[in-house]
Amino acid sequence: YRIHQREADAYGRVHLHRKRYSVPNAVLGKTLLVRESQSEVIILGGPLEVARHKKLTDPEGPVESVLAGHGRRPHRLNPQAVMPEEMSLKALGPPVPSYLGH
């Protein structure tokens, strides 16, 4: 087997060889150890196993393995809400809102 260090992204995924493997939301943004064998990808958060996936090996097959309850997409609780960063950008002047698509 091989050991890799990977960070869990904001979507609850760890990337390995152009494939994505889900992790629990509790480890989002954390650096994890990924143990890769011929048939499995085991993701460790310190000494604890946080996920175990069948390794995706088919180049034409799926690119993502998602386990139940893992890696929800980040979303706004109120879709109409404006993020502070967006408000700051809009305050820069007229061309910015059109660039932002508003």
C-alpha atoms as a PDB file:
ATOM      1  CA  TYR A   1       0.000   0.000   0.000  1.00  0.00           C
ATOM      2  CA  ARG A   2       0.930   3.674  -0.297  1.00  0.00           C
ATOM      3  CA  ILE A   3       0.305   6.525   2.135  1.00  0.00           C
ATOM      4  CA  HIS A   4      -0.646  10.017   0.959  1.00  0.00           C
ATOM      5  CA  GLN A   5      -1.451  13.239   2.780  1.00  0.00           C
ATOM      6  CA  ARG A   6      -4.530  15.058   1.503  1.00  0.00           C
ATOM      7  CA  GLU A   7      -6.784  17.870   2.659  1.00  0.00           C
ATOM      8  CA  ALA A   8     -10.542  17.362   2.735  1.00  0.00           C
ATOM      9  CA  ASP A   9     -12.039  20.035   0.472  1.00  0.00           C
ATOM     10  CA  ALA A  10     -15.093  22.200   1.141  1.00  0.00           C
ATOM     11  CA  TYR A  11     -17.299  19.635  -0.629  1.00  0.00           C
ATOM     12  CA  GLY A  12     -16.220  16.819   1.690  1.00  0.00           C
ATOM     13  CA  ARG A  13     -13.940  15.117  -0.804  1.00  0.00           C
ATOM     14  CA  VAL A  14     -10.356  13.872  -0.763  1.00  0.00           C
ATOM     15  CA  HIS A  15      -8.670  13.814  -4.174  1.00  0.00           C
ATOM     16  CA  LEU A  16      -6.438  10.940  -5.224  1.00  0.00           C
ATOM     17  CA  HIS A  17      -5.280  10.176  -8.780  1.00  0.00           C
ATOM     18  CA  ARG A  18      -8.020  12.330 -10.375  1.00  0.00           C
ATOM     19  CA  LYS A  19     -10.690  10.528  -8.364  1.00  0.00           C
ATOM     20  CA  ARG A  20     -12.668  11.865  -5.387  1.00  0.00           C
ATOM     21  CA  TYR A  21     -13.570  10.040  -2.190  1.00  0.00           C
ATOM     22  CA  SER A  22     -16.065  11.370   0.362  1.00  0.00           C
ATOM     23  CA  VAL A  23     -15.305  12.067   4.015  1.00  0.00           C
ATOM     24  CA  PRO A  24     -17.532  13.068   6.961  1.00  0.00           C
ATOM     25  CA  ASN A  25     -18.255  16.773   7.401  1.00  0.00           C
ATOM     26  CA  ALA A  26     -16.395  16.717  10.736  1.00  0.00           C
ATOM     27  CA  VAL A  27     -13.048  16.549   8.884  1.00  0.00           C
ATOM     28  CA  LEU A  28     -13.650  19.232   6.224  1.00  0.00           C
ATOM     29  CA  GLY A  29     -10.535  21.351   5.749  1.00  0.00           C
ATOM     30  CA  LYS A  30      -8.358  18.992   7.781  1.00  0.00           C
ATOM     31  CA  THR A  31      -5.243  17.230   6.562  1.00  0.00           C
ATOM     32  CA  LEU A  32      -5.811  13.473   6.475  1.00  0.00           C
ATOM     33  CA  LEU A  33      -3.766  10.379   5.750  1.00  0.00           C
ATOM     34  CA  VAL A  34      -4.954   8.335   2.797  1.00  0.00           C
ATOM     35  CA  ARG A  35      -3.918   4.698   2.722  1.00  0.00           C
ATOM     36  CA  GLU A  36      -4.146   3.365  -0.830  1.00  0.00           C
ATOM     37  CA  SER A  37      -4.055  -0.348  -1.573  1.00  0.00           C
ATOM     38  CA  GLN A  38      -4.822  -2.191  -4.818  1.00  0.00           C
ATOM     39  CA  SER A  39      -8.507  -2.451  -3.943  1.00  0.00           C
ATOM     40  CA  GLU A  40      -9.286   0.131  -1.230  1.00  0.00           C
ATOM     41  CA  VAL A  41      -8.799   3.733  -0.194  1.00  0.00           C
ATOM     42  CA  ILE A  42      -8.829   4.125   3.586  1.00  0.00           C
ATOM     43  CA  ILE A  43      -8.921   7.653   4.965  1.00  0.00           C
ATOM     44  CA  LEU A  44      -7.548   8.303   8.437  1.00  0.00           C
ATOM     45  CA  GLY A  45      -8.018  11.295  10.710  1.00  0.00           C
ATOM     46  CA  GLY A  46      -5.171  10.782  13.157  1.00  0.00           C
ATOM     47  CA  PRO A  47      -5.437   7.226  14.509  1.00  0.00           C
ATOM     48  CA  LEU A  48      -9.126   6.913  13.539  1.00  0.00           C
ATOM     49  CA  GLU A  49     -10.473   5.577  10.269  1.00  0.00           C
ATOM     50  CA  VAL A  50     -12.966   8.136   8.949  1.00  0.00           C
ATOM     51  CA  ALA A  51     -13.851   6.465   5.629  1.00  0.00           C
ATOM     52  CA  ARG A  52     -13.222   3.306   3.631  1.00  0.00           C
ATOM     53  CA  HIS A  53     -13.940   3.187  -0.103  1.00  0.00           C
ATOM     54  CA  LYS A  54     -13.544   0.659  -2.856  1.00  0.00           C
ATOM     55  CA  LYS A  55     -10.750   2.053  -5.020  1.00  0.00           C
ATOM     56  CA  LEU A  56     -11.913   3.599  -8.300  1.00  0.00           C
ATOM     57  CA  THR A  57      -9.611   2.175 -10.946  1.00  0.00           C
ATOM     58  CA  ASP A  58     -11.521   2.256 -14.236  1.00  0.00           C
ATOM     59  CA  PRO A  59     -10.339   5.289 -16.267  1.00  0.00           C
ATOM     60  CA  GLU A  60     -13.709   5.382 -18.053  1.00  0.00           C
ATOM     61  CA  GLY A  61     -15.727   4.667 -14.901  1.00  0.00           C
ATOM     62  CA  PRO A  62     -16.948   6.866 -12.044  1.00  0.00           C
ATOM     63  CA  VAL A  63     -14.674   9.616 -10.773  1.00  0.00           C
ATOM     64  CA  GLU A  64     -16.305   9.899  -7.360  1.00  0.00           C
ATOM     65  CA  SER A  65     -17.186   7.574  -4.494  1.00  0.00           C
ATOM     66  CA  VAL A  66     -19.648   8.999  -1.969  1.00  0.00           C
ATOM     67  CA  LEU A  67     -20.658   7.201   1.210  1.00  0.00           C
ATOM     68  CA  ALA A  68     -24.009   7.870   2.895  1.00  0.00           C
ATOM     69  CA  GLY A  69     -23.955  10.975   5.084  1.00  0.00           C
ATOM     70  CA  HIS A  70     -20.661  12.272   3.705  1.00  0.00           C
ATOM     71  CA  GLY A  71     -19.610  15.518   2.117  1.00  0.00           C
ATOM     72  CA  ARG A  72     -22.610  17.729   1.639  1.00  0.00           C
ATOM     73  CA  ARG A  73     -22.149  20.580  -0.780  1.00  0.00           C
ATOM     74  CA  PRO A  74     -21.763  23.945   0.917  1.00  0.00           C
ATOM     75  CA  HIS A  75     -24.800  26.113   0.363  1.00  0.00           C
ATOM     76  CA  ARG A  76     -26.355  29.275   1.647  1.00  0.00           C
ATOM     77  CA  LEU A  77     -29.147  28.864   4.163  1.00  0.00           C
ATOM     78  CA  ASN A  78     -30.903  31.779   2.483  1.00  0.00           C
ATOM     79  CA  PRO A  79     -30.269  31.778  -1.290  1.00  0.00           C
ATOM     80  CA  GLN A  80     -31.191  35.486  -1.407  1.00  0.00           C
ATOM     81  CA  ALA A  81     -28.532  36.394   1.180  1.00  0.00           C
ATOM     82  CA  VAL A  82     -25.505  38.317  -0.036  1.00  0.00           C
ATOM     83  CA  MET A  83     -22.113  37.315   1.286  1.00  0.00           C
ATOM     84  CA  PRO A  84     -19.979  40.090   2.878  1.00  0.00           C
ATOM     85  CA  GLU A  85     -17.302  39.669   0.203  1.00  0.00           C
ATOM     86  CA  GLU A  86     -19.891  40.191  -2.524  1.00  0.00           C
ATOM     87  CA  MET A  87     -21.171  43.356  -0.819  1.00  0.00           C
ATOM     88  CA  SER A  88     -17.603  44.743  -0.661  1.00  0.00           C
ATOM     89  CA  LEU A  89     -17.058  44.036  -4.346  1.00  0.00           C
ATOM     90  CA  LYS A  90     -20.346  45.651  -5.342  1.00  0.00           C
ATOM     91  CA  ALA A  91     -19.329  48.792  -3.439  1.00  0.00           C
ATOM     92  CA  LEU A  92     -16.393  49.256  -5.861  1.00  0.00           C
ATOM     93  CA  GLY A  93     -18.622  50.668  -8.574  1.00  0.00           C
ATOM     94  CA  PRO A  94     -20.877  50.031 -11.563  1.00  0.00           C
ATOM     95  CA  PRO A  95     -18.794  47.553 -13.604  1.00  0.00           C
ATOM     96  CA  VAL A  96     -18.519  45.066 -10.718  1.00  0.00           C
ATOM     97  CA  PRO A  97     -22.203  44.067 -10.373  1.00  0.00           C
ATOM     98  CA  SER A  98     -22.366  43.229 -14.078  1.00  0.00           C
ATOM     99  CA  TYR A  99     -19.186  41.188 -13.733  1.00  0.00           C
ATOM    100  CA  LEU A 100     -20.744  39.332 -10.790  1.00  0.00           C
ATOM    101  CA  GLY A 101     -23.831  38.627 -12.885  1.00  0.00           C
ATOM    102  CA  HIS A 102     -26.251  40.819 -10.928  1.00  0.00           C
END
